[in-house]
PDB file of N, CA and C in Angstrom:
ATOM      1  N   MET A   1      11.034 -68.123  11.102  1.00  0.00           N
ATOM      2  CA  MET A   1      11.821 -68.765  10.074  1.00  0.00           C
ATOM      3  C   MET A   1      11.586 -70.267  10.163  1.00  0.00           C
ATOM      4  N   PRO A   2      11.302 -70.919   9.059  1.00  0.00           N
ATOM      5  CA  PRO A   2      11.049 -72.359   9.094  1.00  0.00           C
ATOM      6  C   PRO A   2      12.302 -73.136   9.481  1.00  0.00           C
ATOM      7  N   LEU A   3      12.070 -74.303  10.030  1.00  0.00           N
ATOM      8  CA  LEU A   3      13.181 -75.164  10.425  1.00  0.00           C
ATOM      9  C   LEU A   3      13.855 -75.757   9.195  1.00  0.00           C
ATOM     10  N   THR A   4      15.153 -75.920   9.289  1.00  0.00           N
ATOM     11  CA  THR A   4      15.884 -76.571   8.206  1.00  0.00           C
ATOM     12  C   THR A   4      15.789 -78.081   8.384  1.00  0.00           C
ATOM     13  N   VAL A   5      16.188 -78.804   7.361  1.00  0.00           N
ATOM     14  CA  VAL A   5      16.189 -80.266   7.426  1.00  0.00           C
ATOM     15  C   VAL A   5      17.119 -80.726   8.551  1.00  0.00           C
ATOM     16  N   THR A   6      18.223 -80.032   8.725  1.00  0.00           N
ATOM     17  CA  THR A   6      19.172 -80.377   9.792  1.00  0.00           C
ATOM     18  C   THR A   6      18.530 -80.222  11.165  1.00  0.00           C
ATOM     19  N   ASP A   7      17.785 -79.111  11.360  1.00  0.00           N
ATOM     20  CA  ASP A   7      17.107 -78.891  12.642  1.00  0.00           C
ATOM     21  C   ASP A   7      16.135 -80.022  12.939  1.00  0.00           C
ATOM     22  N   VAL A   8      15.306 -80.364  11.960  1.00  0.00           N
ATOM     23  CA  VAL A   8      14.294 -81.402  12.168  1.00  0.00           C
ATOM     24  C   VAL A   8      14.965 -82.746  12.414  1.00  0.00           C
ATOM     25  N   SER A   9      16.047 -83.023  11.700  1.00  0.00           N
ATOM     26  CA  SER A   9      16.729 -84.305  11.916  1.00  0.00           C
ATOM     27  C   SER A   9      17.333 -84.368  13.315  1.00  0.00           C
ATOM     28  N   GLN A  10      17.838 -83.251  13.824  1.00  0.00           N
ATOM     29  CA  GLN A  10      18.351 -83.219  15.200  1.00  0.00           C
ATOM     30  C   GLN A  10      17.225 -83.421  16.204  1.00  0.00           C
ATOM     31  N   ILE A  11      16.076 -82.803  15.955  1.00  0.00           N
ATOM     32  CA  ILE A  11      14.912 -82.971  16.837  1.00  0.00           C
ATOM     33  C   ILE A  11      14.505 -84.435  16.879  1.00  0.00           C
ATOM     34  N   VAL A  12      14.418 -85.051  15.716  1.00  0.00           N
ATOM     35  CA  VAL A  12      14.002 -86.457  15.639  1.00  0.00           C
ATOM     36  C   VAL A  12      15.024 -87.355  16.335  1.00  0.00           C
ATOM     37  N   ALA A  13      16.305 -87.107  16.095  1.00  0.00           N
ATOM     38  CA  ALA A  13      17.348 -87.949  16.700  1.00  0.00           C
ATOM     39  C   ALA A  13      17.316 -87.852  18.220  1.00  0.00           C
ATOM     40  N   LEU A  14      17.206 -86.635  18.740  1.00  0.00           N
ATOM     41  CA  LEU A  14      17.173 -86.467  20.194  1.00  0.00           C
ATOM     42  C   LEU A  14      15.903 -87.056  20.793  1.00  0.00           C
ATOM     43  N   SER A  15      14.781 -86.888  20.096  1.00  0.00           N
ATOM     44  CA  SER A  15      13.514 -87.429  20.598  1.00  0.00           C
ATOM     45  C   SER A  15      13.531 -88.952  20.578  1.00  0.00           C
ATOM     46  N   GLU A  16      14.096 -89.541  19.536  1.00  0.00           N
ATOM     47  CA  GLU A  16      14.169 -91.002  19.464  1.00  0.00           C
ATOM     48  C   GLU A  16      15.140 -91.572  20.497  1.00  0.00           C
ATOM     49  N   ASP A  17      16.110 -90.755  20.934  1.00  0.00           N
ATOM     50  CA  ASP A  17      17.032 -91.193  21.986  1.00  0.00           C
ATOM     51  C   ASP A  17      16.379 -91.138  23.364  1.00  0.00           C
ATOM     52  N   GLY A  18      15.148 -90.637  23.425  1.00  0.00           N
ATOM     53  CA  GLY A  18      14.416 -90.620  24.684  1.00  0.00           C
ATOM     54  C   GLY A  18      14.488 -89.314  25.448  1.00  0.00           C
ATOM     55  N   HIS A  19      15.039 -88.275  24.835  1.00  0.00           N
ATOM     56  CA  HIS A  19      15.120 -86.981  25.519  1.00  0.00           C
ATOM     57  C   HIS A  19      13.758 -86.293  25.505  1.00  0.00           C
ATOM     58  N   SER A  20      13.506 -85.498  26.545  1.00  0.00           N
ATOM     59  CA  SER A  20      12.228 -84.791  26.644  1.00  0.00           C
ATOM     60  C   SER A  20      12.207 -83.611  25.677  1.00  0.00           C
ATOM     61  N   ARG A  21      11.007 -83.099  25.424  1.00  0.00           N
ATOM     62  CA  ARG A  21      10.880 -81.932  24.537  1.00  0.00           C
ATOM     63  C   ARG A  21      11.585 -80.733  25.147  1.00  0.00           C
ATOM     64  N   ARG A  22      11.516 -80.624  26.463  1.00  0.00           N
ATOM     65  CA  ARG A  22      12.170 -79.503  27.135  1.00  0.00           C
ATOM     66  C   ARG A  22      13.685 -79.561  26.919  1.00  0.00           C
ATOM     67  N   TYR A  23      14.267 -80.747  27.053  1.00  0.00           N
ATOM     68  CA  TYR A  23      15.707 -80.909  26.843  1.00  0.00           C
ATOM     69  C   TYR A  23      16.074 -80.577  25.390  1.00  0.00           C
ATOM     70  N   VAL A  24      15.295 -81.104  24.456  1.00  0.00           N
ATOM     71  CA  VAL A  24      15.561 -80.850  23.030  1.00  0.00           C
ATOM     72  C   VAL A  24      15.448 -79.357  22.744  1.00  0.00           C
ATOM     73  N   SER A  25      14.417 -78.736  23.325  1.00  0.00           N
ATOM     74  CA  SER A  25      14.189 -77.311  23.122  1.00  0.00           C
ATOM     75  C   SER A  25      15.365 -76.486  23.624  1.00  0.00           C
ATOM     76  N   ARG A  26      15.825 -76.787  24.826  1.00  0.00           N
ATOM     77  CA  ARG A  26      16.929 -76.018  25.406  1.00  0.00           C
ATOM     78  C   ARG A  26      18.248 -76.276  24.685  1.00  0.00           C
ATOM     79  N   SER A  27      18.483 -77.504  24.284  1.00  0.00           N
ATOM     80  CA  SER A  27      19.764 -77.810  23.643  1.00  0.00           C
ATOM     81  C   SER A  27      19.862 -77.223  22.235  1.00  0.00           C
ATOM     82  N   LEU A  28      18.724 -77.103  21.543  1.00  0.00           N
ATOM     83  CA  LEU A  28      18.752 -76.555  20.179  1.00  0.00           C
ATOM     84  C   LEU A  28      18.368 -75.078  20.127  1.00  0.00           C
ATOM     85  N   GLY A  29      17.810 -74.560  21.237  1.00  0.00           N
ATOM     86  CA  GLY A  29      17.395 -73.152  21.250  1.00  0.00           C
ATOM     87  C   GLY A  29      16.160 -72.899  20.409  1.00  0.00           C
ATOM     88  N   ILE A  30      15.251 -73.874  20.382  1.00  0.00           N
ATOM     89  CA  ILE A  30      14.023 -73.780  19.589  1.00  0.00           C
ATOM     90  C   ILE A  30      12.849 -73.925  20.557  1.00  0.00           C
ATOM     91  N   PRO A  31      11.762 -73.159  20.396  1.00  0.00           N
ATOM     92  CA  PRO A  31      10.621 -73.267  21.310  1.00  0.00           C
ATOM     93  C   PRO A  31      10.037 -74.686  21.356  1.00  0.00           C
ATOM     94  N   ARG A  32       9.486 -75.043  22.528  1.00  0.00           N
ATOM     95  CA  ARG A  32       8.936 -76.391  22.709  1.00  0.00           C
ATOM     96  C   ARG A  32       7.789 -76.683  21.753  1.00  0.00           C
ATOM     97  N   THR A  33       6.971 -75.680  21.473  1.00  0.00           N
ATOM     98  CA  THR A  33       5.849 -75.921  20.559  1.00  0.00           C
ATOM     99  C   THR A  33       6.349 -76.246  19.155  1.00  0.00           C
ATOM    100  N   THR A  34       7.440 -75.616  18.757  1.00  0.00           N
ATOM    101  CA  THR A  34       8.025 -75.909  17.449  1.00  0.00           C
ATOM    102  C   THR A  34       8.586 -77.323  17.433  1.00  0.00           C
ATOM    103  N   ILE A  35       9.203 -77.732  18.550  1.00  0.00           N
ATOM    104  CA  ILE A  35       9.708 -79.107  18.672  1.00  0.00           C
ATOM    105  C   ILE A  35       8.546 -80.089  18.540  1.00  0.00           C
ATOM    106  N   ARG A  36       7.457 -79.799  19.246  1.00  0.00           N
ATOM    107  CA  ARG A  36       6.271 -80.671  19.200  1.00  0.00           C
ATOM    108  C   ARG A  36       5.724 -80.776  17.786  1.00  0.00           C
ATOM    109  N   ASP A  37       5.573 -79.633  17.125  1.00  0.00           N
ATOM    110  CA  ASP A  37       5.016 -79.634  15.768  1.00  0.00           C
ATOM    111  C   ASP A  37       5.908 -80.403  14.793  1.00  0.00           C
ATOM    112  N   ALA A  38       7.221 -80.202  14.894  1.00  0.00           N
ATOM    113  CA  ALA A  38       8.146 -80.898  13.992  1.00  0.00           C
ATOM    114  C   ALA A  38       8.116 -82.401  14.251  1.00  0.00           C
ATOM    115  N   TRP A  39       8.063 -82.813  15.511  1.00  0.00           N
ATOM    116  CA  TRP A  39       8.021 -84.235  15.866  1.00  0.00           C
ATOM    117  C   TRP A  39       6.728 -84.868  15.362  1.00  0.00           C
ATOM    118  N   ASN A  40       5.593 -84.190  15.579  1.00  0.00           N
ATOM    119  CA  ASN A  40       4.307 -84.722  15.110  1.00  0.00           C
ATOM    120  C   ASN A  40       4.268 -84.817  13.588  1.00  0.00           C
ATOM    121  N   ARG A  41       4.818 -83.818  12.909  1.00  0.00           N
ATOM    122  CA  ARG A  41       4.847 -83.842  11.448  1.00  0.00           C
ATOM    123  C   ARG A  41       5.706 -85.009  10.963  1.00  0.00           C
ATOM    124  N   TYR A  42       6.816 -85.256  11.652  1.00  0.00           N
ATOM    125  CA  TYR A  42       7.681 -86.378  11.282  1.00  0.00           C
ATOM    126  C   TYR A  42       6.948 -87.708  11.497  1.00  0.00           C
ATOM    127  N   LEU A  43       6.216 -87.829  12.605  1.00  0.00           N
ATOM    128  CA  LEU A  43       5.485 -89.074  12.870  1.00  0.00           C
ATOM    129  C   LEU A  43       4.401 -89.326  11.826  1.00  0.00           C
ATOM    130  N   GLU A  44       3.755 -88.253  11.358  1.00  0.00           N
ATOM    131  CA  GLU A  44       2.679 -88.402  10.371  1.00  0.00           C
ATOM    132  C   GLU A  44       3.218 -88.713   8.978  1.00  0.00           C
ATOM    133  N   THR A  45       4.294 -88.047   8.579  1.00  0.00           N
ATOM    134  CA  THR A  45       4.750 -88.141   7.188  1.00  0.00           C
ATOM    135  C   THR A  45       6.007 -88.979   7.012  1.00  0.00           C
ATOM    136  N   ASP A  46       6.739 -89.244   8.081  1.00  0.00           N
ATOM    137  CA  ASP A  46       8.013 -89.965   8.011  1.00  0.00           C
ATOM    138  C   ASP A  46       9.049 -89.216   7.171  1.00  0.00           C
ATOM    139  N   ARG A  47       8.926 -87.896   7.104  1.00  0.00           N
ATOM    140  CA  ARG A  47       9.844 -87.074   6.316  1.00  0.00           C
ATOM    141  C   ARG A  47      10.307 -85.888   7.151  1.00  0.00           C
ATOM    142  N   PHE A  48      11.487 -85.367   6.818  1.00  0.00           N
ATOM    143  CA  PHE A  48      12.012 -84.183   7.494  1.00  0.00           C
ATOM    144  C   PHE A  48      11.583 -82.892   6.799  1.00  0.00           C
ATOM    145  N   LEU A  49      11.217 -82.996   5.533  1.00  0.00           N
ATOM    146  CA  LEU A  49      10.906 -81.810   4.737  1.00  0.00           C
ATOM    147  C   LEU A  49       9.466 -81.374   4.929  1.00  0.00           C
ATOM    148  N   ARG A  50       9.217 -80.100   4.643  1.00  0.00           N
ATOM    149  CA  ARG A  50       7.846 -79.597   4.644  1.00  0.00           C
ATOM    150  C   ARG A  50       7.111 -80.146   3.439  1.00  0.00           C
ATOM    151  N   GLN A  51       5.796 -80.136   3.519  1.00  0.00           N
ATOM    152  CA  GLN A  51       4.992 -80.558   2.376  1.00  0.00           C
ATOM    153  C   GLN A  51       5.176 -79.558   1.239  1.00  0.00           C
ATOM    154  N   ILE A  52       5.237 -80.032   0.030  1.00  0.00           N
ATOM    155  CA  ILE A  52       5.368 -79.156  -1.125  1.00  0.00           C
ATOM    156  C   ILE A  52       4.075 -78.365  -1.270  1.00  0.00           C
ATOM    157  N   GLY A  53       4.213 -77.061  -1.452  1.00  0.00           N
ATOM    158  CA  GLY A  53       3.044 -76.206  -1.611  1.00  0.00           C
ATOM    159  C   GLY A  53       2.361 -75.861  -0.308  1.00  0.00           C
ATOM    160  N   SER A  54       3.026 -76.080   0.825  1.00  0.00           N
ATOM    161  CA  SER A  54       2.391 -75.779   2.106  1.00  0.00           C
ATOM    162  C   SER A  54       2.581 -74.325   2.511  1.00  0.00           C
ATOM    163  N   ARG A  55       3.287 -73.592   1.694  1.00  0.00           N
ATOM    164  CA  ARG A  55       3.546 -72.193   1.984  1.00  0.00           C
ATOM    165  C   ARG A  55       2.383 -71.330   1.481  1.00  0.00           C
ATOM    166  N   ARG A  56       2.199 -70.178   2.080  1.00  0.00           N
ATOM    167  CA  ARG A  56       1.172 -69.246   1.639  1.00  0.00           C
ATOM    168  C   ARG A  56       1.543 -68.704   0.260  1.00  0.00           C
ATOM    169  N   LYS A  57       0.539 -68.547  -0.593  1.00  0.00           N
ATOM    170  CA  LYS A  57       0.768 -68.049  -1.947  1.00  0.00           C
ATOM    171  C   LYS A  57       1.125 -66.565  -1.893  1.00  0.00           C
ATOM    172  N   ARG A  58       1.982 -66.154  -2.813  1.00  0.00           N
ATOM    173  CA  ARG A  58       2.383 -64.749  -2.865  1.00  0.00           C
ATOM    174  C   ARG A  58       1.211 -63.869  -3.273  1.00  0.00           C
ATOM    175  N   ALA A  59       1.097 -62.726  -2.618  1.00  0.00           N
ATOM    176  CA  ALA A  59       0.026 -61.793  -2.932  1.00  0.00           C
ATOM    177  C   ALA A  59       0.429 -60.846  -4.058  1.00  0.00           C
ATOM    178  N   THR A  60       1.736 -60.649  -4.247  1.00  0.00           N
ATOM    179  CA  THR A  60       2.213 -59.739  -5.283  1.00  0.00           C
ATOM    180  C   THR A  60       3.221 -60.450  -6.173  1.00  0.00           C
ATOM    181  N   THR A  61       3.326 -59.948  -7.391  1.00  0.00           N
ATOM    182  CA  THR A  61       4.320 -60.487  -8.317  1.00  0.00           C
ATOM    183  C   THR A  61       5.622 -59.705  -8.153  1.00  0.00           C
ATOM    184  N   ALA A  62       6.663 -60.137  -8.825  1.00  0.00           N
ATOM    185  CA  ALA A  62       7.945 -59.430  -8.755  1.00  0.00           C
ATOM    186  C   ALA A  62       7.806 -58.016  -9.319  1.00  0.00           C
ATOM    187  N   ALA A  63       7.007 -57.865 -10.375  1.00  0.00           N
ATOM    188  CA  ALA A  63       6.788 -56.533 -10.956  1.00  0.00           C
ATOM    189  C   ALA A  63       6.052 -55.635  -9.965  1.00  0.00           C
ATOM    190  N   ASP A  64       5.047 -56.197  -9.270  1.00  0.00           N
ATOM    191  CA  ASP A  64       4.331 -55.430  -8.246  1.00  0.00           C
ATOM    192  C   ASP A  64       5.288 -54.990  -7.144  1.00  0.00           C
ATOM    193  N   ASP A  65       6.180 -55.886  -6.741  1.00  0.00           N
ATOM    194  CA  ASP A  65       7.144 -55.562  -5.685  1.00  0.00           C
ATOM    195  C   ASP A  65       8.027 -54.391  -6.096  1.00  0.00           C
ATOM    196  N   ARG A  66       8.500 -54.392  -7.336  1.00  0.00           N
ATOM    197  CA  ARG A  66       9.341 -53.285  -7.805  1.00  0.00           C
ATOM    198  C   ARG A  66       8.559 -51.982  -7.788  1.00  0.00           C
ATOM    199  N   PHE A  67       7.299 -52.029  -8.215  1.00  0.00           N
ATOM    200  CA  PHE A  67       6.468 -50.830  -8.240  1.00  0.00           C
ATOM    201  C   PHE A  67       6.245 -50.310  -6.828  1.00  0.00           C
ATOM    202  N   VAL A  68       5.963 -51.217  -5.896  1.00  0.00           N
ATOM    203  CA  VAL A  68       5.739 -50.825  -4.505  1.00  0.00           C
ATOM    204  C   VAL A  68       7.002 -50.189  -3.935  1.00  0.00           C
ATOM    205  N   VAL A  69       8.148 -50.773  -4.229  1.00  0.00           N
ATOM    206  CA  VAL A  69       9.409 -50.236  -3.717  1.00  0.00           C
ATOM    207  C   VAL A  69       9.649 -48.835  -4.268  1.00  0.00           C
ATOM    208  N   LEU A  70       9.411 -48.632  -5.550  1.00  0.00           N
ATOM    209  CA  LEU A  70       9.613 -47.310  -6.137  1.00  0.00           C
ATOM    210  C   LEU A  70       8.688 -46.281  -5.505  1.00  0.00           C
ATOM    211  N   ASN A  71       7.421 -46.653  -5.320  1.00  0.00           N
ATOM    212  CA  ASN A  71       6.488 -45.713  -4.705  1.00  0.00           C
ATOM    213  C   ASN A  71       6.894 -45.384  -3.276  1.00  0.00           C
ATOM    214  N   THR A  72       7.324 -46.368  -2.534  1.00  0.00           N
ATOM    215  CA  THR A  72       7.755 -46.137  -1.158  1.00  0.00           C
ATOM    216  C   THR A  72       8.963 -45.215  -1.133  1.00  0.00           C
ATOM    217  N   LEU A  73       9.898 -45.446  -2.024  1.00  0.00           N
ATOM    218  CA  LEU A  73      11.086 -44.608  -2.094  1.00  0.00           C
ATOM    219  C   LEU A  73      10.713 -43.163  -2.403  1.00  0.00           C
ATOM    220  N   ARG A  74       9.836 -42.968  -3.366  1.00  0.00           N
ATOM    221  CA  ARG A  74       9.395 -41.611  -3.700  1.00  0.00           C
ATOM    222  C   ARG A  74       8.735 -40.939  -2.500  1.00  0.00           C
ATOM    223  N   ARG A  75       7.870 -41.693  -1.814  1.00  0.00           N
ATOM    224  CA  ARG A  75       7.159 -41.148  -0.657  1.00  0.00           C
ATOM    225  C   ARG A  75       8.135 -40.744   0.453  1.00  0.00           C
ATOM    226  N   ARG A  76       9.137 -41.569   0.704  1.00  0.00           N
ATOM    227  CA  ARG A  76      10.123 -41.257   1.749  1.00  0.00           C
ATOM    228  C   ARG A  76      10.934 -40.009   1.386  1.00  0.00           C
ATOM    229  N   LEU A  77      11.292 -39.874   0.122  1.00  0.00           N
ATOM    230  CA  LEU A  77      12.044 -38.693  -0.297  1.00  0.00           C
ATOM    231  C   LEU A  77      11.216 -37.426  -0.139  1.00  0.00           C
ATOM    232  N   VAL A  78       9.936 -37.504  -0.459  1.00  0.00           N
ATOM    233  CA  VAL A  78       9.061 -36.340  -0.308  1.00  0.00           C
ATOM    234  C   VAL A  78       8.906 -35.993   1.168  1.00  0.00           C
ATOM    235  N   GLU A  79       8.785 -37.007   2.028  1.00  0.00           N
ATOM    236  CA  GLU A  79       8.660 -36.764   3.467  1.00  0.00           C
ATOM    237  C   GLU A  79       9.877 -36.016   4.007  1.00  0.00           C
ATOM    238  N   ARG A  80      11.048 -36.311   3.484  1.00  0.00           N
ATOM    239  CA  ARG A  80      12.273 -35.652   3.938  1.00  0.00           C
ATOM    240  C   ARG A  80      12.455 -34.282   3.291  1.00  0.00           C
ATOM    241  N   GLY A  81      11.593 -33.939   2.366  1.00  0.00           N
ATOM    242  CA  GLY A  81      11.706 -32.653   1.703  1.00  0.00           C
ATOM    243  C   GLY A  81      12.685 -32.663   0.546  1.00  0.00           C
ATOM    244  N   SER A  82      13.094 -33.823   0.131  1.00  0.00           N
ATOM    245  CA  SER A  82      14.039 -33.938  -0.966  1.00  0.00           C
ATOM    246  C   SER A  82      13.256 -34.045  -2.271  1.00  0.00           C
ATOM    247  N   THR A  83      13.510 -33.124  -3.160  1.00  0.00           N
ATOM    248  CA  THR A  83      12.830 -33.165  -4.449  1.00  0.00           C
ATOM    249  C   THR A  83      13.877 -33.276  -5.549  1.00  0.00           C
ATOM    250  N   SER A  84      13.467 -33.774  -6.675  1.00  0.00           N
ATOM    251  CA  SER A  84      14.409 -33.919  -7.777  1.00  0.00           C
ATOM    252  C   SER A  84      14.349 -32.666  -8.638  1.00  0.00           C
ATOM    253  N   ARG A  85      15.430 -31.920  -8.628  1.00  0.00           N
ATOM    254  CA  ARG A  85      15.509 -30.723  -9.459  1.00  0.00           C
ATOM    255  C   ARG A  85      16.971 -30.436  -9.744  1.00  0.00           C
ATOM    256  N   ARG A  86      17.219 -29.774 -10.844  1.00  0.00           N
ATOM    257  CA  ARG A  86      18.586 -29.401 -11.190  1.00  0.00           C
ATOM    258  C   ARG A  86      18.947 -28.121 -10.458  1.00  0.00           C
ATOM    259  N   PRO A  87      20.160 -27.997  -9.990  1.00  0.00           N
ATOM    260  CA  PRO A  87      20.563 -26.754  -9.338  1.00  0.00           C
ATOM    261  C   PRO A  87      20.633 -25.629 -10.372  1.00  0.00           C
ATOM    262  N   ALA A  88      20.323 -24.446  -9.918  1.00  0.00           N
ATOM    263  CA  ALA A  88      20.369 -23.299 -10.821  1.00  0.00           C
ATOM    264  C   ALA A  88      21.814 -23.043 -11.223  1.00  0.00           C
ATOM    265  N   ALA A  89      22.027 -22.787 -12.486  1.00  0.00           N
ATOM    266  CA  ALA A  89      23.377 -22.520 -12.977  1.00  0.00           C
ATOM    267  C   ALA A  89      23.719 -21.069 -12.684  1.00  0.00           C
ATOM    268  N   GLY A  90      24.911 -20.850 -12.194  1.00  0.00           N
ATOM    269  CA  GLY A  90      25.353 -19.488 -11.912  1.00  0.00           C
ATOM    270  C   GLY A  90      25.801 -18.806 -13.192  1.00  0.00           C
ATOM    271  N   PRO A  91      26.148 -17.545 -13.082  1.00  0.00           N
ATOM    272  CA  PRO A  91      26.611 -16.843 -14.286  1.00  0.00           C
ATOM    273  C   PRO A  91      27.945 -17.416 -14.749  1.00  0.00           C
ATOM    274  N   ARG A  92      28.172 -17.335 -16.019  1.00  0.00           N
ATOM    275  CA  ARG A  92      29.403 -17.858 -16.604  1.00  0.00           C
ATOM    276  C   ARG A  92      30.568 -16.966 -16.177  1.00  0.00           C
ATOM    277  N   LEU A  93      31.639 -17.607 -15.691  1.00  0.00           N
ATOM    278  CA  LEU A  93      32.808 -16.837 -15.264  1.00  0.00           C
ATOM    279  C   LEU A  93      33.757 -16.645 -16.441  1.00  0.00           C
ATOM    280  N   LEU A  94      34.048 -15.397 -16.709  1.00  0.00           N
ATOM    281  CA  LEU A  94      34.993 -15.056 -17.763  1.00  0.00           C
ATOM    282  C   LEU A  94      36.396 -14.986 -17.157  1.00  0.00           C
ATOM    283  N   PRO A  95      37.415 -15.020 -17.980  1.00  0.00           N
ATOM    284  CA  PRO A  95      38.782 -14.898 -17.443  1.00  0.00           C
ATOM    285  C   PRO A  95      38.970 -13.629 -16.609  1.00  0.00           C
ATOM    286  N   ARG A  96      38.272 -12.560 -16.996  1.00  0.00           N
ATOM    287  CA  ARG A  96      38.355 -11.302 -16.239  1.00  0.00           C
ATOM    288  C   ARG A  96      37.818 -11.503 -14.822  1.00  0.00           C
ATOM    289  N   HIS A  97      36.690 -12.242 -14.694  1.00  0.00           N
ATOM    290  CA  HIS A  97      36.105 -12.504 -13.373  1.00  0.00           C
ATOM    291  C   HIS A  97      37.064 -13.319 -12.506  1.00  0.00           C
ATOM    292  N   ARG A  98      37.695 -14.294 -13.114  1.00  0.00           N
ATOM    293  CA  ARG A  98      38.634 -15.141 -12.370  1.00  0.00           C
ATOM    294  C   ARG A  98      39.801 -14.303 -11.843  1.00  0.00           C
ATOM    295  N   ARG A  99      40.277 -13.411 -12.662  1.00  0.00           N
ATOM    296  CA  ARG A  99      41.396 -12.555 -12.261  1.00  0.00           C
ATOM    297  C   ARG A  99      40.989 -11.653 -11.095  1.00  0.00           C
ATOM    298  N   ILE A 100      39.797 -11.068 -11.174  1.00  0.00           N
ATOM    299  CA  ILE A 100      39.314 -10.196 -10.097  1.00  0.00           C
ATOM    300  C   ILE A 100      39.144 -10.994  -8.801  1.00  0.00           C
ATOM    301  N   ARG A 101      38.606 -12.200  -8.888  1.00  0.00           N
ATOM    302  CA  ARG A 101      38.426 -13.053  -7.704  1.00  0.00           C
ATOM    303  C   ARG A 101      39.775 -13.413  -7.083  1.00  0.00           C
ATOM    304  N   LEU A 102      40.758 -13.714  -7.934  1.00  0.00           N
ATOM    305  CA  LEU A 102      42.079 -14.072  -7.432  1.00  0.00           C
ATOM    306  C   LEU A 102      42.721 -12.882  -6.715  1.00  0.00           C
ATOM    307  N   GLU A 103      42.578 -11.683  -7.268  1.00  0.00           N
ATOM    308  CA  GLU A 103      43.120 -10.485  -6.613  1.00  0.00           C
ATOM    309  C   GLU A 103      42.448 -10.274  -5.262  1.00  0.00           C
ATOM    310  N   PHE A 104      41.134 -10.437  -5.209  1.00  0.00           N
ATOM    311  CA  PHE A 104      40.393 -10.281  -3.949  1.00  0.00           C
ATOM    312  C   PHE A 104      40.882 -11.295  -2.915  1.00  0.00           C
ATOM    313  N   ALA A 105      41.065 -12.535  -3.341  1.00  0.00           N
ATOM    314  CA  ALA A 105      41.503 -13.581  -2.418  1.00  0.00           C
ATOM    315  C   ALA A 105      42.902 -13.284  -1.885  1.00  0.00           C
ATOM    316  N   ARG A 106      43.783 -12.775  -2.744  1.00  0.00           N
ATOM    317  CA  ARG A 106      45.147 -12.474  -2.296  1.00  0.00           C
ATOM    318  C   ARG A 106      45.148 -11.305  -1.316  1.00  0.00           C
ATOM    319  N   LEU A 107      44.315 -10.297  -1.551  1.00  0.00           N
ATOM    320  CA  LEU A 107      44.243  -9.144  -0.645  1.00  0.00           C
ATOM    321  C   LEU A 107      43.689  -9.534   0.726  1.00  0.00           C
ATOM    322  N   HIS A 108      42.734 -10.446   0.739  1.00  0.00           N
ATOM    323  CA  HIS A 108      42.048 -10.782   1.989  1.00  0.00           C
ATOM    324  C   HIS A 108      42.524 -12.087   2.604  1.00  0.00           C
ATOM    325  N   ALA A 109      43.645 -12.596   2.148  1.00  0.00           N
ATOM    326  CA  ALA A 109      44.182 -13.831   2.731  1.00  0.00           C
ATOM    327  C   ALA A 109      44.709 -13.526   4.122  1.00  0.00           C
ATOM    328  N   ASN A 110      44.735 -14.505   4.984  1.00  0.00           N
ATOM    329  CA  ASN A 110      45.204 -14.296   6.366  1.00  0.00           C
ATOM    330  C   ASN A 110      46.610 -13.870   6.346  1.00  0.00           C
TER     331      ASN A 110
END
C-alpha cells in the first residue's frame, strides 16, 4: 500500500530532526527501505506526493472487470455442483388431497 501524505510528512519531520532511519522505521512501523525511498524522493522533488502518472496503467477496463467477475462466479458455482434450474413442480393438491393428508397426520400424531 502506498504511503499517505501524512506518513511521508512524518518521515521527513523525524529525519530532519536528526533521527536515524531505524528509529523512524520502528516508530512508524514502516520498513527501512520504504523510509529510505520516501526520504530520497522528498530530497529530489521537495514534495510529499507521488508523481502524477507514476502508477502502473490498468490492464482491464471496468467492463472487462465485470465480465471477469461474472465468469469467475459461474465457474465457482459449477465447481460446487450448483446449477441454475427450476425445481420440478409437484402435482396440484386438491381440497380432497388436503383432507386426506390432514386425517393421516391426525392418526399418526404422537
